[in-house]
Amino acid sequence: DGGIVPETAATARRAGADVLVAGTAVFRHPPYAR
């Protein structure tokens, strides 16, 4: 949780994260499916 955007999500996933919390990366970029 924190600063999760596609680039950092990739880093976190490679390190083993199962759940990605994202706030502004989702809600500031409608439509949200993208």
PDB file of all heavy atoms in Angstrom:
ATOM      1  N   ASP A   1       0.848  -1.192   0.000  1.00  0.00           N
ATOM      2  CA  ASP A   1       0.000   0.000   0.000  1.00  0.00           C
ATOM      3  C   ASP A   1       0.880   1.238   0.000  1.00  0.00           C
ATOM      4  O   ASP A   1       1.652   1.454   0.933  1.00  0.00           O
ATOM      5  CB  ASP A   1      -0.903  -0.008   1.239  1.00  0.00           C
ATOM      6  CG  ASP A   1      -1.827   1.201   1.321  1.00  0.00           C
ATOM      7  OD1 ASP A   1      -1.850   2.020   0.383  1.00  0.00           O
ATOM      8  OD2 ASP A   1      -2.528   1.322   2.337  1.00  0.00           O
ATOM      9  N   GLY A   2       0.753   2.036  -1.056  1.00  0.00           N
ATOM     10  CA  GLY A   2       1.442   3.314  -1.099  1.00  0.00           C
ATOM     11  C   GLY A   2       2.227   3.516  -2.380  1.00  0.00           C
ATOM     12  O   GLY A   2       3.149   2.761  -2.682  1.00  0.00           O
ATOM     13  N   GLY A   3       1.832   4.514  -3.167  1.00  0.00           N
ATOM     14  CA  GLY A   3       2.562   4.820  -4.385  1.00  0.00           C
ATOM     15  C   GLY A   3       2.439   3.746  -5.450  1.00  0.00           C
ATOM     16  O   GLY A   3       3.327   3.591  -6.296  1.00  0.00           O
ATOM     17  N   ILE A   4       1.322   3.003  -5.434  1.00  0.00           N
ATOM     18  CA  ILE A   4       1.158   1.905  -6.385  1.00  0.00           C
ATOM     19  C   ILE A   4       0.559   2.427  -7.696  1.00  0.00           C
ATOM     20  O   ILE A   4      -0.567   2.906  -7.743  1.00  0.00           O
ATOM     21  CB  ILE A   4       0.282   0.782  -5.798  1.00  0.00           C
ATOM     22  CG1 ILE A   4       0.968   0.172  -4.576  1.00  0.00           C
ATOM     23  CG2 ILE A   4       0.012  -0.285  -6.850  1.00  0.00           C
ATOM     24  CD1 ILE A   4       2.315  -0.459  -4.846  1.00  0.00           C
ATOM     25  N   VAL A   5       1.365   2.340  -8.732  1.00  0.00           N
ATOM     26  CA  VAL A   5       1.002   2.624 -10.113  1.00  0.00           C
ATOM     27  C   VAL A   5       1.502   1.411 -10.913  1.00  0.00           C
ATOM     28  O   VAL A   5       2.146   0.534 -10.333  1.00  0.00           O
ATOM     29  CB  VAL A   5       1.657   3.937 -10.608  1.00  0.00           C
ATOM     30  CG1 VAL A   5       1.138   5.127  -9.814  1.00  0.00           C
ATOM     31  CG2 VAL A   5       3.183   3.856 -10.489  1.00  0.00           C
ATOM     32  N   PRO A   6       1.211   1.302 -12.215  1.00  0.00           N
ATOM     33  CA  PRO A   6       1.632   0.091 -12.913  1.00  0.00           C
ATOM     34  C   PRO A   6       3.115  -0.254 -12.769  1.00  0.00           C
ATOM     35  O   PRO A   6       3.471  -1.425 -12.608  1.00  0.00           O
ATOM     36  CB  PRO A   6       1.246   0.389 -14.367  1.00  0.00           C
ATOM     37  CG  PRO A   6       0.009   1.225 -14.228  1.00  0.00           C
ATOM     38  CD  PRO A   6       0.288   2.114 -13.050  1.00  0.00           C
ATOM     39  N   GLU A   7       3.992   0.748 -12.788  1.00  0.00           N
ATOM     40  CA  GLU A   7       5.430   0.461 -12.695  1.00  0.00           C
ATOM     41  C   GLU A   7       5.793  -0.109 -11.324  1.00  0.00           C
ATOM     42  O   GLU A   7       6.531  -1.105 -11.224  1.00  0.00           O
ATOM     43  CB  GLU A   7       6.241   1.735 -12.972  1.00  0.00           C
ATOM     44  CG  GLU A   7       6.117   2.270 -14.378  1.00  0.00           C
ATOM     45  CD  GLU A   7       4.799   2.996 -14.650  1.00  0.00           C
ATOM     46  OE1 GLU A   7       4.094   3.352 -13.677  1.00  0.00           O
ATOM     47  OE2 GLU A   7       4.476   3.203 -15.834  1.00  0.00           O
ATOM     48  N   THR A   8       5.294   0.505 -10.257  1.00  0.00           N
ATOM     49  CA  THR A   8       5.622  -0.003  -8.920  1.00  0.00           C
ATOM     50  C   THR A   8       4.831  -1.262  -8.601  1.00  0.00           C
ATOM     51  O   THR A   8       5.290  -2.111  -7.834  1.00  0.00           O
ATOM     52  CB  THR A   8       5.363   1.070  -7.857  1.00  0.00           C
ATOM     53  OG1 THR A   8       4.002   1.534  -7.948  1.00  0.00           O
ATOM     54  CG2 THR A   8       6.309   2.251  -8.036  1.00  0.00           C
ATOM     55  N   ALA A   9       3.653  -1.401  -9.205  1.00  0.00           N
ATOM     56  CA  ALA A   9       2.901  -2.650  -9.045  1.00  0.00           C
ATOM     57  C   ALA A   9       3.699  -3.819  -9.603  1.00  0.00           C
ATOM     58  O   ALA A   9       3.731  -4.910  -9.016  1.00  0.00           O
ATOM     59  CB  ALA A   9       1.545  -2.549  -9.748  1.00  0.00           C
ATOM     60  N   ALA A  10       4.357  -3.611 -10.736  1.00  0.00           N
ATOM     61  CA  ALA A  10       5.183  -4.669 -11.316  1.00  0.00           C
ATOM     62  C   ALA A  10       6.325  -5.036 -10.375  1.00  0.00           C
ATOM     63  O   ALA A  10       6.632  -6.219 -10.178  1.00  0.00           O
ATOM     64  CB  ALA A  10       5.731  -4.217 -12.671  1.00  0.00           C
ATOM     65  N   THR A  11       6.953  -4.029  -9.766  1.00  0.00           N
ATOM     66  CA  THR A  11       8.021  -4.281  -8.800  1.00  0.00           C
ATOM     67  C   THR A  11       7.501  -5.082  -7.619  1.00  0.00           C
ATOM     68  O   THR A  11       8.126  -6.060  -7.175  1.00  0.00           O
ATOM     69  CB  THR A  11       8.617  -2.953  -8.307  1.00  0.00           C
ATOM     70  OG1 THR A  11       9.181  -2.253  -9.414  1.00  0.00           O
ATOM     71  CG2 THR A  11       9.682  -3.172  -7.248  1.00  0.00           C
ATOM     72  N   ALA A  12       6.353  -4.663  -7.096  1.00  0.00           N
ATOM     73  CA  ALA A  12       5.772  -5.345  -5.933  1.00  0.00           C
ATOM     74  C   ALA A  12       5.361  -6.770  -6.274  1.00  0.00           C
ATOM     75  O   ALA A  12       5.544  -7.686  -5.466  1.00  0.00           O
ATOM     76  CB  ALA A  12       4.571  -4.554  -5.422  1.00  0.00           C
ATOM     77  N   ARG A  13       4.813  -6.968  -7.459  1.00  0.00           N
ATOM     78  CA  ARG A  13       4.410  -8.316  -7.862  1.00  0.00           C
ATOM     79  C   ARG A  13       5.621  -9.231  -8.009  1.00  0.00           C
ATOM     80  O   ARG A  13       5.594 -10.387  -7.599  1.00  0.00           O
ATOM     81  CB  ARG A  13       3.635  -8.256  -9.181  1.00  0.00           C
ATOM     82  CG  ARG A  13       2.222  -7.737  -9.041  1.00  0.00           C
ATOM     83  CD  ARG A  13       1.337  -8.748  -8.321  1.00  0.00           C
ATOM     84  NE  ARG A  13       1.197  -9.974  -9.091  1.00  0.00           N
ATOM     85  CZ  ARG A  13       0.959 -11.175  -8.568  1.00  0.00           C
ATOM     86  NH1 ARG A  13       0.887 -11.325  -7.266  1.00  0.00           N
ATOM     87  NH2 ARG A  13       0.817 -12.234  -9.336  1.00  0.00           N
ATOM     88  N   ARG A  14       6.692  -8.712  -8.593  1.00  0.00           N
ATOM     89  CA  ARG A  14       7.903  -9.526  -8.733  1.00  0.00           C
ATOM     90  C   ARG A  14       8.463  -9.920  -7.375  1.00  0.00           C
ATOM     91  O   ARG A  14       9.043 -11.000  -7.217  1.00  0.00           O
ATOM     92  CB  ARG A  14       8.962  -8.770  -9.551  1.00  0.00           C
ATOM     93  CG  ARG A  14       8.664  -8.710 -11.042  1.00  0.00           C
ATOM     94  CD  ARG A  14       9.869  -8.232 -11.828  1.00  0.00           C
ATOM     95  NE  ARG A  14      10.188  -6.845 -11.524  1.00  0.00           N
ATOM     96  CZ  ARG A  14       9.743  -5.811 -12.212  1.00  0.00           C
ATOM     97  NH1 ARG A  14       8.927  -5.998 -13.251  1.00  0.00           N
ATOM     98  NH2 ARG A  14      10.099  -4.583 -11.889  1.00  0.00           N
ATOM     99  N   ALA A  15       8.278  -9.045  -6.377  1.00  0.00           N
ATOM    100  CA  ALA A  15       8.761  -9.339  -5.025  1.00  0.00           C
ATOM    101  C   ALA A  15       7.823 -10.270  -4.269  1.00  0.00           C
ATOM    102  O   ALA A  15       8.190 -10.781  -3.211  1.00  0.00           O
ATOM    103  CB  ALA A  15       8.947  -8.037  -4.249  1.00  0.00           C
ATOM    104  N   GLY A  16       6.585 -10.478  -4.789  1.00  0.00           N
ATOM    105  CA  GLY A  16       5.678 -11.445  -4.188  1.00  0.00           C
ATOM    106  C   GLY A  16       4.397 -10.911  -3.609  1.00  0.00           C
ATOM    107  O   GLY A  16       3.656 -11.656  -2.962  1.00  0.00           O
ATOM    108  N   ALA A  17       4.067  -9.641  -3.824  1.00  0.00           N
ATOM    109  CA  ALA A  17       2.823  -9.089  -3.283  1.00  0.00           C
ATOM    110  C   ALA A  17       1.609  -9.748  -3.934  1.00  0.00           C
ATOM    111  O   ALA A  17       1.583  -9.965  -5.148  1.00  0.00           O
ATOM    112  CB  ALA A  17       2.764  -7.584  -3.500  1.00  0.00           C
ATOM    113  N   ASP A  18       0.608 -10.054  -3.112  1.00  0.00           N
ATOM    114  CA  ASP A  18      -0.635 -10.666  -3.591  1.00  0.00           C
ATOM    115  C   ASP A  18      -1.742  -9.647  -3.798  1.00  0.00           C
ATOM    116  O   ASP A  18      -2.631  -9.846  -4.633  1.00  0.00           O
ATOM    117  CB  ASP A  18      -1.147 -11.692  -2.568  1.00  0.00           C
ATOM    118  CG  ASP A  18      -0.110 -12.722  -2.202  1.00  0.00           C
ATOM    119  OD1 ASP A  18       0.305 -13.479  -3.093  1.00  0.00           O
ATOM    120  OD2 ASP A  18       0.288 -12.773  -1.027  1.00  0.00           O
ATOM    121  N   VAL A  19      -1.725  -8.580  -2.988  1.00  0.00           N
ATOM    122  CA  VAL A  19      -2.797  -7.575  -3.005  1.00  0.00           C
ATOM    123  C   VAL A  19      -2.173  -6.213  -3.229  1.00  0.00           C
ATOM    124  O   VAL A  19      -1.237  -5.817  -2.507  1.00  0.00           O
ATOM    125  CB  VAL A  19      -3.593  -7.568  -1.682  1.00  0.00           C
ATOM    126  CG1 VAL A  19      -4.793  -6.618  -1.787  1.00  0.00           C
ATOM    127  CG2 VAL A  19      -4.042  -8.966  -1.300  1.00  0.00           C
ATOM    128  N   LEU A  20      -2.685  -5.475  -4.208  1.00  0.00           N
ATOM    129  CA  LEU A  20      -2.186  -4.149  -4.539  1.00  0.00           C
ATOM    130  C   LEU A  20      -3.239  -3.113  -4.161  1.00  0.00           C
ATOM    131  O   LEU A  20      -4.351  -3.134  -4.691  1.00  0.00           O
ATOM    132  CB  LEU A  20      -1.889  -4.047  -6.040  1.00  0.00           C
ATOM    133  CG  LEU A  20      -0.947  -5.113  -6.617  1.00  0.00           C
ATOM    134  CD1 LEU A  20      -0.903  -4.984  -8.142  1.00  0.00           C
ATOM    135  CD2 LEU A  20       0.446  -4.987  -6.025  1.00  0.00           C
ATOM    136  N   VAL A  21      -2.892  -2.236  -3.234  1.00  0.00           N
ATOM    137  CA  VAL A  21      -3.782  -1.142  -2.847  1.00  0.00           C
ATOM    138  C   VAL A  21      -3.421   0.076  -3.678  1.00  0.00           C
ATOM    139  O   VAL A  21      -2.246   0.469  -3.742  1.00  0.00           O
ATOM    140  CB  VAL A  21      -3.649  -0.820  -1.342  1.00  0.00           C
ATOM    141  CG1 VAL A  21      -4.538   0.374  -0.973  1.00  0.00           C
ATOM    142  CG2 VAL A  21      -4.013  -2.031  -0.501  1.00  0.00           C
ATOM    143  N   ALA A  22      -4.403   0.680  -4.315  1.00  0.00           N
ATOM    144  CA  ALA A  22      -4.153   1.857  -5.145  1.00  0.00           C
ATOM    145  C   ALA A  22      -5.291   2.847  -4.970  1.00  0.00           C
ATOM    146  O   ALA A  22      -6.458   2.465  -5.055  1.00  0.00           O
ATOM    147  CB  ALA A  22      -4.015   1.458  -6.611  1.00  0.00           C
ATOM    148  N   GLY A  23      -4.934   4.090  -4.723  1.00  0.00           N
ATOM    149  CA  GLY A  23      -5.937   5.133  -4.548  1.00  0.00           C
ATOM    150  C   GLY A  23      -5.997   6.054  -5.745  1.00  0.00           C
ATOM    151  O   GLY A  23      -6.849   5.923  -6.618  1.00  0.00           O
ATOM    152  N   THR A  24      -5.057   7.009  -5.801  1.00  0.00           N
ATOM    153  CA  THR A  24      -5.082   7.981  -6.890  1.00  0.00           C
ATOM    154  C   THR A  24      -4.854   7.325  -8.242  1.00  0.00           C
ATOM    155  O   THR A  24      -5.365   7.798  -9.258  1.00  0.00           O
ATOM    156  CB  THR A  24      -4.024   9.076  -6.660  1.00  0.00           C
ATOM    157  OG1 THR A  24      -2.731   8.468  -6.517  1.00  0.00           O
ATOM    158  CG2 THR A  24      -4.333   9.875  -5.401  1.00  0.00           C
ATOM    159  N   ALA A  25      -4.098   6.225  -8.279  1.00  0.00           N
ATOM    160  CA  ALA A  25      -3.848   5.546  -9.552  1.00  0.00           C
ATOM    161  C   ALA A  25      -5.127   5.015 -10.174  1.00  0.00           C
ATOM    162  O   ALA A  25      -5.188   4.808 -11.389  1.00  0.00           O
ATOM    163  CB  ALA A  25      -2.853   4.398  -9.353  1.00  0.00           C
ATOM    164  N   VAL A  26      -6.148   4.785  -9.349  1.00  0.00           N
ATOM    165  CA  VAL A  26      -7.451   4.350  -9.853  1.00  0.00           C
ATOM    166  C   VAL A  26      -8.395   5.535  -9.995  1.00  0.00           C
ATOM    167  O   VAL A  26      -8.908   5.825 -11.082  1.00  0.00           O
ATOM    168  CB  VAL A  26      -8.071   3.280  -8.931  1.00  0.00           C
ATOM    169  CG1 VAL A  26      -9.522   2.981  -9.349  1.00  0.00           C
ATOM    170  CG2 VAL A  26      -7.237   1.994  -8.953  1.00  0.00           C
ATOM    171  N   PHE A  27      -8.623   6.252  -8.903  1.00  0.00           N
ATOM    172  CA  PHE A  27      -9.720   7.223  -8.882  1.00  0.00           C
ATOM    173  C   PHE A  27      -9.432   8.504  -9.660  1.00  0.00           C
ATOM    174  O   PHE A  27     -10.357   9.256  -9.943  1.00  0.00           O
ATOM    175  CB  PHE A  27     -10.097   7.542  -7.433  1.00  0.00           C
ATOM    176  CG  PHE A  27     -10.850   6.420  -6.760  1.00  0.00           C
ATOM    177  CD1 PHE A  27     -10.240   5.621  -5.809  1.00  0.00           C
ATOM    178  CD2 PHE A  27     -12.162   6.150  -7.100  1.00  0.00           C
ATOM    179  CE1 PHE A  27     -10.926   4.588  -5.199  1.00  0.00           C
ATOM    180  CE2 PHE A  27     -12.856   5.110  -6.512  1.00  0.00           C
ATOM    181  CZ  PHE A  27     -12.237   4.323  -5.555  1.00  0.00           C
ATOM    182  N   ARG A  28      -8.197   8.746 -10.033  1.00  0.00           N
ATOM    183  CA  ARG A  28      -7.902   9.921 -10.859  1.00  0.00           C
ATOM    184  C   ARG A  28      -7.830   9.582 -12.342  1.00  0.00           C
ATOM    185  O   ARG A  28      -7.485  10.436 -13.155  1.00  0.00           O
ATOM    186  CB  ARG A  28      -6.591  10.563 -10.412  1.00  0.00           C
ATOM    187  CG  ARG A  28      -6.708  11.247  -9.054  1.00  0.00           C
ATOM    188  CD  ARG A  28      -5.468  12.022  -8.703  1.00  0.00           C
ATOM    189  NE  ARG A  28      -5.549  12.599  -7.369  1.00  0.00           N
ATOM    190  CZ  ARG A  28      -4.553  13.232  -6.753  1.00  0.00           C
ATOM    191  NH1 ARG A  28      -3.383  13.370  -7.368  1.00  0.00           N
ATOM    192  NH2 ARG A  28      -4.707  13.717  -5.538  1.00  0.00           N
ATOM    193  N   HIS A  29      -8.169   8.323 -12.682  1.00  0.00           N
ATOM    194  CA  HIS A  29      -8.016   7.907 -14.077  1.00  0.00           C
ATOM    195  C   HIS A  29      -9.228   7.120 -14.569  1.00  0.00           C
ATOM    196  O   HIS A  29      -9.117   5.961 -14.946  1.00  0.00           O
ATOM    197  CB  HIS A  29      -6.739   7.083 -14.227  1.00  0.00           C
ATOM    198  CG  HIS A  29      -5.498   7.837 -13.873  1.00  0.00           C
ATOM    199  ND1 HIS A  29      -4.879   8.718 -14.736  1.00  0.00           N
ATOM    200  CD2 HIS A  29      -4.774   7.858 -12.718  1.00  0.00           C
ATOM    201  CE1 HIS A  29      -3.831   9.242 -14.143  1.00  0.00           C
ATOM    202  NE2 HIS A  29      -3.742   8.741 -12.926  1.00  0.00           N
ATOM    203  N   PRO A  30     -10.410   7.752 -14.576  1.00  0.00           N
ATOM    204  CA  PRO A  30     -11.578   7.064 -15.121  1.00  0.00           C
ATOM    205  C   PRO A  30     -11.436   6.907 -16.634  1.00  0.00           C
ATOM    206  O   PRO A  30     -10.681   7.652 -17.270  1.00  0.00           O
ATOM    207  CB  PRO A  30     -12.717   8.016 -14.759  1.00  0.00           C
ATOM    208  CG  PRO A  30     -12.072   9.366 -14.669  1.00  0.00           C
ATOM    209  CD  PRO A  30     -10.686   9.125 -14.152  1.00  0.00           C
ATOM    210  N   PRO A  31     -12.155   5.952 -17.225  1.00  0.00           N
ATOM    211  CA  PRO A  31     -12.998   4.946 -16.585  1.00  0.00           C
ATOM    212  C   PRO A  31     -12.142   3.919 -15.849  1.00  0.00           C
ATOM    213  O   PRO A  31     -11.073   3.545 -16.314  1.00  0.00           O
ATOM    214  CB  PRO A  31     -13.757   4.324 -17.759  1.00  0.00           C
ATOM    215  CG  PRO A  31     -12.843   4.524 -18.937  1.00  0.00           C
ATOM    216  CD  PRO A  31     -12.156   5.836 -18.706  1.00  0.00           C
ATOM    217  N   TYR A  32     -12.642   3.432 -14.706  1.00  0.00           N
ATOM    218  CA  TYR A  32     -11.803   2.715 -13.764  1.00  0.00           C
ATOM    219  C   TYR A  32     -11.362   1.327 -14.227  1.00  0.00           C
ATOM    220  O   TYR A  32     -10.395   0.778 -13.705  1.00  0.00           O
ATOM    221  CB  TYR A  32     -12.511   2.615 -12.416  1.00  0.00           C
ATOM    222  CG  TYR A  32     -12.808   3.962 -11.800  1.00  0.00           C
ATOM    223  CD1 TYR A  32     -13.991   4.179 -11.080  1.00  0.00           C
ATOM    224  CD2 TYR A  32     -11.932   5.026 -11.946  1.00  0.00           C
ATOM    225  CE1 TYR A  32     -14.261   5.413 -10.516  1.00  0.00           C
ATOM    226  CE2 TYR A  32     -12.200   6.264 -11.393  1.00  0.00           C
ATOM    227  CZ  TYR A  32     -13.367   6.452 -10.679  1.00  0.00           C
ATOM    228  OH  TYR A  32     -13.638   7.673 -10.124  1.00  0.00           O
ATOM    229  N   ALA A  33     -12.044   0.753 -15.202  1.00  0.00           N
ATOM    230  CA  ALA A  33     -11.621  -0.556 -15.704  1.00  0.00           C
ATOM    231  C   ALA A  33     -10.214  -0.495 -16.287  1.00  0.00           C
ATOM    232  O   ALA A  33      -9.454  -1.467 -16.195  1.00  0.00           O
ATOM    233  CB  ALA A  33     -12.605  -1.067 -16.758  1.00  0.00           C
ATOM    234  N   ARG A  34      -9.856   0.638 -16.845  1.00  0.00           N
ATOM    235  CA  ARG A  34      -8.543   0.759 -17.480  1.00  0.00           C
ATOM    236  C   ARG A  34      -7.411   0.737 -16.459  1.00  0.00           C
ATOM    237  O   ARG A  34      -6.479  -0.071 -16.589  1.00  0.00           O
ATOM    238  CB  ARG A  34      -8.511   2.034 -18.339  1.00  0.00           C
ATOM    239  CG  ARG A  34      -7.245   2.221 -19.139  1.00  0.00           C
ATOM    240  CD  ARG A  34      -7.431   3.351 -20.122  1.00  0.00           C
ATOM    241  NE  ARG A  34      -7.897   4.570 -19.464  1.00  0.00           N
ATOM    242  CZ  ARG A  34      -8.438   5.603 -20.112  1.00  0.00           C
ATOM    243  NH1 ARG A  34      -8.608   5.532 -21.422  1.00  0.00           N
ATOM    244  NH2 ARG A  34      -8.816   6.671 -19.459  1.00  0.00           N
TER     245      ARG A  34
END
